[in-house]
Amino acid sequence: MDEIRVECSLTERQYRNYMKYHVLGNRRDVLRHAILCLLIAAFGLVNFSAKSPLLGWIFVTLAIYLLISRYLRFYMSVNRIVEQFGLSDTPKYFYTLTFHSRDFEVKNQKEHAKYSYDRIVRTHFNDEQNILYLYLTKSSAFLLPYDGIQGKSAQDLKDLLTAKAPAENPASGKLLSGKAPVGKT
């Protein structure tokens, strides 16, 4: 098998899209947060009807604050990271991944590491934005833009990861394709 090499030069937009997928794409977490805010607001409305307007205002204000502050903190955090790494519309080089038949390696100016395919927790192929998210942990991913693939196509990389990576990582309980098996979420 020929190796597949991916040079990862990222733009601000690609990073922002990844963070939206990674943080806000977790529908369960977003739903839990929304339900919590709705419950607090409902408790405030009950206090209004129970002739306790001060408690009602406190709970309604708290619900609105929690709803807004979560997303405001998220966007402020993303902006801080974008500034820290100097991301813009011009792609900036971060690392190179080279996929071999037995393992893959990650290189940048400071580090060089090899990983086996069974270390992959999850992958997400975002064909609309031409990028692949390769998770080695639940909390972080390598971002692999399709235009950084050298000598092969994005489909070749998808086929390789589908063939080499485990169908389901027991540690995460998620399929690598990002699609849940029947009966699982």
C-alpha atoms as a PDB file:
ATOM      1  CA  MET A   1       0.000   0.000   0.000  1.00  0.00           C
ATOM      2  CA  ASP A   2       1.208   3.453  -0.828  1.00  0.00           C
ATOM      3  CA  GLU A   3       1.286   5.895   2.007  1.00  0.00           C
ATOM      4  CA  ILE A   4      -1.229   8.701   2.239  1.00  0.00           C
ATOM      5  CA  ARG A   5       0.177  11.997   3.379  1.00  0.00           C
ATOM      6  CA  VAL A   6      -1.949  14.882   4.656  1.00  0.00           C
ATOM      7  CA  GLU A   7      -0.490  18.315   5.305  1.00  0.00           C
ATOM      8  CA  CYS A   8      -2.725  20.136   7.746  1.00  0.00           C
ATOM      9  CA  SER A   9      -2.853  23.834   7.045  1.00  0.00           C
ATOM     10  CA  LEU A  10      -5.887  25.306   8.752  1.00  0.00           C
ATOM     11  CA  THR A  11      -7.850  28.504   8.375  1.00  0.00           C
ATOM     12  CA  GLU A  12      -9.844  30.359  10.992  1.00  0.00           C
ATOM     13  CA  ARG A  13     -13.086  29.193   9.397  1.00  0.00           C
ATOM     14  CA  GLN A  14     -12.071  25.505   9.510  1.00  0.00           C
ATOM     15  CA  TYR A  15     -11.171  25.784  13.187  1.00  0.00           C
ATOM     16  CA  ARG A  16     -14.423  27.582  14.037  1.00  0.00           C
ATOM     17  CA  ASN A  17     -16.438  24.925  12.178  1.00  0.00           C
ATOM     18  CA  TYR A  18     -14.611  22.176  14.070  1.00  0.00           C
ATOM     19  CA  MET A  19     -15.335  23.821  17.424  1.00  0.00           C
ATOM     20  CA  LYS A  20     -19.006  24.227  16.537  1.00  0.00           C
ATOM     21  CA  TYR A  21     -19.173  20.542  15.615  1.00  0.00           C
ATOM     22  CA  HIS A  22     -17.138  19.394  18.610  1.00  0.00           C
ATOM     23  CA  VAL A  23     -18.775  21.519  21.323  1.00  0.00           C
ATOM     24  CA  LEU A  24     -22.199  22.461  19.995  1.00  0.00           C
ATOM     25  CA  GLY A  25     -22.641  19.326  17.899  1.00  0.00           C
ATOM     26  CA  ASN A  26     -23.072  17.237  21.028  1.00  0.00           C
ATOM     27  CA  ARG A  27     -26.856  17.324  20.879  1.00  0.00           C
ATOM     28  CA  ARG A  28     -27.380  15.574  24.207  1.00  0.00           C
ATOM     29  CA  ASP A  29     -25.317  18.135  26.079  1.00  0.00           C
ATOM     30  CA  VAL A  30     -27.006  21.080  24.358  1.00  0.00           C
ATOM     31  CA  LEU A  31     -30.424  19.521  24.991  1.00  0.00           C
ATOM     32  CA  ARG A  32     -29.624  18.938  28.676  1.00  0.00           C
ATOM     33  CA  HIS A  33     -28.546  22.540  29.062  1.00  0.00           C
ATOM     34  CA  ALA A  34     -31.685  23.837  27.319  1.00  0.00           C
ATOM     35  CA  ILE A  35     -33.931  21.622  29.481  1.00  0.00           C
ATOM     36  CA  LEU A  36     -32.191  22.838  32.640  1.00  0.00           C
ATOM     37  CA  CYS A  37     -32.744  26.459  31.598  1.00  0.00           C
ATOM     38  CA  LEU A  38     -36.389  25.749  30.757  1.00  0.00           C
ATOM     39  CA  LEU A  39     -36.951  24.056  34.119  1.00  0.00           C
ATOM     40  CA  ILE A  40     -35.421  26.978  36.000  1.00  0.00           C
ATOM     41  CA  ALA A  41     -37.558  29.413  33.972  1.00  0.00           C
ATOM     42  CA  ALA A  42     -40.680  27.291  34.616  1.00  0.00           C
ATOM     43  CA  PHE A  43     -39.898  27.321  38.335  1.00  0.00           C
ATOM     44  CA  GLY A  44     -39.674  31.113  38.096  1.00  0.00           C
ATOM     45  CA  LEU A  45     -43.066  31.278  36.357  1.00  0.00           C
ATOM     46  CA  VAL A  46     -44.585  29.072  39.066  1.00  0.00           C
ATOM     47  CA  ASN A  47     -43.275  31.544  41.638  1.00  0.00           C
ATOM     48  CA  PHE A  48     -44.944  34.395  39.742  1.00  0.00           C
ATOM     49  CA  SER A  49     -48.276  32.577  39.877  1.00  0.00           C
ATOM     50  CA  ALA A  50     -47.725  31.780  43.574  1.00  0.00           C
ATOM     51  CA  LYS A  51     -47.551  35.538  44.286  1.00  0.00           C
ATOM     52  CA  SER A  52     -43.797  35.497  44.796  1.00  0.00           C
ATOM     53  CA  PRO A  53     -42.547  37.815  42.054  1.00  0.00           C
ATOM     54  CA  LEU A  54     -39.084  38.342  43.542  1.00  0.00           C
ATOM     55  CA  LEU A  55     -38.281  34.616  43.379  1.00  0.00           C
ATOM     56  CA  GLY A  56     -39.906  34.487  39.951  1.00  0.00           C
ATOM     57  CA  TRP A  57     -37.617  37.210  38.612  1.00  0.00           C
ATOM     58  CA  ILE A  58     -34.561  35.598  40.201  1.00  0.00           C
ATOM     59  CA  PHE A  59     -35.227  32.232  38.543  1.00  0.00           C
ATOM     60  CA  VAL A  60     -36.193  33.640  35.144  1.00  0.00           C
ATOM     61  CA  THR A  61     -33.116  35.884  35.157  1.00  0.00           C
ATOM     62  CA  LEU A  62     -30.923  32.938  36.166  1.00  0.00           C
ATOM     63  CA  ALA A  63     -32.319  30.816  33.320  1.00  0.00           C
ATOM     64  CA  ILE A  64     -31.649  33.543  30.758  1.00  0.00           C
ATOM     65  CA  TYR A  65     -28.168  34.158  32.166  1.00  0.00           C
ATOM     66  CA  LEU A  66     -27.265  30.444  32.012  1.00  0.00           C
ATOM     67  CA  LEU A  67     -28.526  30.136  28.458  1.00  0.00           C
ATOM     68  CA  ILE A  68     -26.668  33.184  27.169  1.00  0.00           C
ATOM     69  CA  SER A  69     -23.461  32.813  29.196  1.00  0.00           C
ATOM     70  CA  ARG A  70     -22.713  29.306  27.979  1.00  0.00           C
ATOM     71  CA  TYR A  71     -22.658  30.341  24.330  1.00  0.00           C
ATOM     72  CA  LEU A  72     -20.995  33.668  25.016  1.00  0.00           C
ATOM     73  CA  ARG A  73     -18.162  31.903  26.895  1.00  0.00           C
ATOM     74  CA  PHE A  74     -17.859  29.403  24.031  1.00  0.00           C
ATOM     75  CA  TYR A  75     -17.455  32.107  21.370  1.00  0.00           C
ATOM     76  CA  MET A  76     -15.081  34.133  23.533  1.00  0.00           C
ATOM     77  CA  SER A  77     -12.945  31.023  24.061  1.00  0.00           C
ATOM     78  CA  VAL A  78     -12.842  30.276  20.333  1.00  0.00           C
ATOM     79  CA  ASN A  79     -11.894  33.894  19.582  1.00  0.00           C
ATOM     80  CA  ARG A  80      -9.067  33.730  22.132  1.00  0.00           C
ATOM     81  CA  ILE A  81      -7.665  30.538  20.573  1.00  0.00           C
ATOM     82  CA  VAL A  82      -7.954  31.969  17.050  1.00  0.00           C
ATOM     83  CA  GLU A  83      -5.925  34.994  18.165  1.00  0.00           C
ATOM     84  CA  GLN A  84      -3.421  32.860  20.085  1.00  0.00           C
ATOM     85  CA  PHE A  85      -2.620  30.739  17.014  1.00  0.00           C
ATOM     86  CA  GLY A  86      -2.838  33.647  14.599  1.00  0.00           C
ATOM     87  CA  LEU A  87      -5.464  31.997  12.408  1.00  0.00           C
ATOM     88  CA  SER A  88      -6.923  33.911   9.472  1.00  0.00           C
ATOM     89  CA  ASP A  89      -8.288  33.256   5.994  1.00  0.00           C
ATOM     90  CA  THR A  90      -4.771  32.289   4.923  1.00  0.00           C
ATOM     91  CA  PRO A  91      -4.066  28.633   5.809  1.00  0.00           C
ATOM     92  CA  LYS A  92      -1.462  28.148   8.531  1.00  0.00           C
ATOM     93  CA  TYR A  93       0.603  24.933   8.726  1.00  0.00           C
ATOM     94  CA  PHE A  94       0.213  22.885  11.925  1.00  0.00           C
ATOM     95  CA  TYR A  95       1.199  19.254  11.306  1.00  0.00           C
ATOM     96  CA  THR A  96       1.533  16.443   8.777  1.00  0.00           C
ATOM     97  CA  LEU A  97      -0.063  13.017   9.122  1.00  0.00           C
ATOM     98  CA  THR A  98       1.300  10.114   7.103  1.00  0.00           C
ATOM     99  CA  PHE A  99      -0.818   6.969   6.951  1.00  0.00           C
ATOM    100  CA  HIS A 100       1.022   3.664   6.430  1.00  0.00           C
ATOM    101  CA  SER A 101      -0.328   0.122   6.223  1.00  0.00           C
ATOM    102  CA  ARG A 102       0.279  -0.662   9.932  1.00  0.00           C
ATOM    103  CA  ASP A 103       0.220   2.732  11.617  1.00  0.00           C
ATOM    104  CA  PHE A 104       0.206   6.458  11.054  1.00  0.00           C
ATOM    105  CA  GLU A 105       2.553   9.178  12.170  1.00  0.00           C
ATOM    106  CA  VAL A 106       2.148  12.796  13.129  1.00  0.00           C
ATOM    107  CA  LYS A 107       4.925  15.315  12.582  1.00  0.00           C
ATOM    108  CA  ASN A 108       5.261  19.002  13.238  1.00  0.00           C
ATOM    109  CA  GLN A 109       8.215  21.314  13.882  1.00  0.00           C
ATOM    110  CA  LYS A 110       8.577  20.127  17.494  1.00  0.00           C
ATOM    111  CA  GLU A 111       7.277  16.559  17.674  1.00  0.00           C
ATOM    112  CA  HIS A 112       7.094  13.235  15.901  1.00  0.00           C
ATOM    113  CA  ALA A 113       4.761  10.451  17.068  1.00  0.00           C
ATOM    114  CA  LYS A 114       3.471   7.128  15.721  1.00  0.00           C
ATOM    115  CA  TYR A 115       0.045   5.679  16.462  1.00  0.00           C
ATOM    116  CA  SER A 116      -1.630   2.407  15.631  1.00  0.00           C
ATOM    117  CA  TYR A 117      -5.064   2.483  14.030  1.00  0.00           C
ATOM    118  CA  ASP A 118      -6.689   0.913  17.089  1.00  0.00           C
ATOM    119  CA  ARG A 119      -5.977   4.163  18.994  1.00  0.00           C
ATOM    120  CA  ILE A 120      -8.601   5.964  16.920  1.00  0.00           C
ATOM    121  CA  VAL A 121     -11.663   6.729  19.020  1.00  0.00           C
ATOM    122  CA  ARG A 122     -13.840   8.223  16.284  1.00  0.00           C
ATOM    123  CA  THR A 123     -13.737   9.833  12.853  1.00  0.00           C
ATOM    124  CA  HIS A 124     -16.114  12.307  11.301  1.00  0.00           C
ATOM    125  CA  PHE A 125     -16.054  12.907   7.557  1.00  0.00           C
ATOM    126  CA  ASN A 126     -17.442  16.374   6.887  1.00  0.00           C
ATOM    127  CA  ASP A 127     -17.840  16.286   3.108  1.00  0.00           C
ATOM    128  CA  GLU A 128     -19.724  19.597   3.022  1.00  0.00           C
ATOM    129  CA  GLN A 129     -16.687  21.414   4.423  1.00  0.00           C
ATOM    130  CA  ASN A 130     -14.076  19.059   2.899  1.00  0.00           C
ATOM    131  CA  ILE A 131     -12.442  18.078   6.167  1.00  0.00           C
ATOM    132  CA  LEU A 132     -11.988  14.971   8.317  1.00  0.00           C
ATOM    133  CA  TYR A 133     -11.922  15.022  12.135  1.00  0.00           C
ATOM    134  CA  LEU A 134      -9.759  12.184  13.468  1.00  0.00           C
ATOM    135  CA  TYR A 135     -10.261  11.696  17.209  1.00  0.00           C
ATOM    136  CA  LEU A 136      -7.593   9.898  19.257  1.00  0.00           C
ATOM    137  CA  THR A 137      -9.305  11.027  22.466  1.00  0.00           C
ATOM    138  CA  LYS A 138     -12.877  12.073  23.182  1.00  0.00           C
ATOM    139  CA  SER A 139     -11.820  15.667  23.711  1.00  0.00           C
ATOM    140  CA  SER A 140      -9.547  16.484  20.775  1.00  0.00           C
ATOM    141  CA  ALA A 141      -9.115  15.677  17.125  1.00  0.00           C
ATOM    142  CA  PHE A 142      -6.699  16.091  14.261  1.00  0.00           C
ATOM    143  CA  LEU A 143      -8.266  18.245  11.574  1.00  0.00           C
ATOM    144  CA  LEU A 144      -7.426  16.892   8.123  1.00  0.00           C
ATOM    145  CA  PRO A 145      -8.505  19.166   5.248  1.00  0.00           C
ATOM    146  CA  TYR A 146      -9.182  17.232   2.047  1.00  0.00           C
ATOM    147  CA  ASP A 147      -7.112  19.705   0.034  1.00  0.00           C
ATOM    148  CA  GLY A 148      -4.049  18.734   2.104  1.00  0.00           C
ATOM    149  CA  ILE A 149      -4.140  15.114   0.907  1.00  0.00           C
ATOM    150  CA  GLN A 150      -1.153  14.486  -1.343  1.00  0.00           C
ATOM    151  CA  GLY A 151      -1.045  11.892  -4.107  1.00  0.00           C
ATOM    152  CA  LYS A 152      -4.372  10.286  -3.198  1.00  0.00           C
ATOM    153  CA  SER A 153      -7.988  11.325  -2.834  1.00  0.00           C
ATOM    154  CA  ALA A 154     -10.230  11.901   0.159  1.00  0.00           C
ATOM    155  CA  GLN A 155     -12.058   8.694  -0.776  1.00  0.00           C
ATOM    156  CA  ASP A 156      -8.764   6.755  -0.550  1.00  0.00           C
ATOM    157  CA  LEU A 157      -8.236   8.105   2.968  1.00  0.00           C
ATOM    158  CA  LYS A 158     -11.827   7.234   3.954  1.00  0.00           C
ATOM    159  CA  ASP A 159     -11.389   3.703   2.579  1.00  0.00           C
ATOM    160  CA  LEU A 160      -8.111   3.266   4.477  1.00  0.00           C
ATOM    161  CA  LEU A 161      -9.568   4.453   7.785  1.00  0.00           C
ATOM    162  CA  THR A 162     -12.666   2.324   7.304  1.00  0.00           C
ATOM    163  CA  ALA A 163     -10.517  -0.747   6.643  1.00  0.00           C
ATOM    164  CA  LYS A 164      -7.788  -0.212   9.248  1.00  0.00           C
ATOM    165  CA  ALA A 165      -9.484   1.431  12.208  1.00  0.00           C
ATOM    166  CA  PRO A 166     -11.675  -0.668  14.500  1.00  0.00           C
ATOM    167  CA  ALA A 167     -15.364  -0.585  13.561  1.00  0.00           C
ATOM    168  CA  GLU A 168     -16.208   0.504  17.082  1.00  0.00           C
ATOM    169  CA  ASN A 169     -13.860   1.649  19.780  1.00  0.00           C
ATOM    170  CA  PRO A 170     -14.909  -0.031  23.048  1.00  0.00           C
ATOM    171  CA  ALA A 171     -13.636   2.915  25.075  1.00  0.00           C
ATOM    172  CA  SER A 172     -15.961   5.383  23.388  1.00  0.00           C
ATOM    173  CA  GLY A 173     -18.837   3.157  22.351  1.00  0.00           C
ATOM    174  CA  LYS A 174     -19.098   5.069  19.072  1.00  0.00           C
ATOM    175  CA  LEU A 175     -18.673   3.937  15.529  1.00  0.00           C
ATOM    176  CA  LEU A 176     -15.787   5.470  13.700  1.00  0.00           C
ATOM    177  CA  SER A 177     -17.964   6.621  10.833  1.00  0.00           C
ATOM    178  CA  GLY A 178     -19.845   8.882  13.197  1.00  0.00           C
ATOM    179  CA  LYS A 179     -23.065   6.951  12.579  1.00  0.00           C
ATOM    180  CA  ALA A 180     -24.577   5.031  15.436  1.00  0.00           C
ATOM    181  CA  PRO A 181     -25.548   1.389  14.993  1.00  0.00           C
ATOM    182  CA  VAL A 182     -29.210   0.514  15.173  1.00  0.00           C
ATOM    183  CA  GLY A 183     -30.421   0.825  18.755  1.00  0.00           C
ATOM    184  CA  LYS A 184     -27.547   3.081  19.901  1.00  0.00           C
ATOM    185  CA  THR A 185     -27.221   6.836  19.971  1.00  0.00           C
END
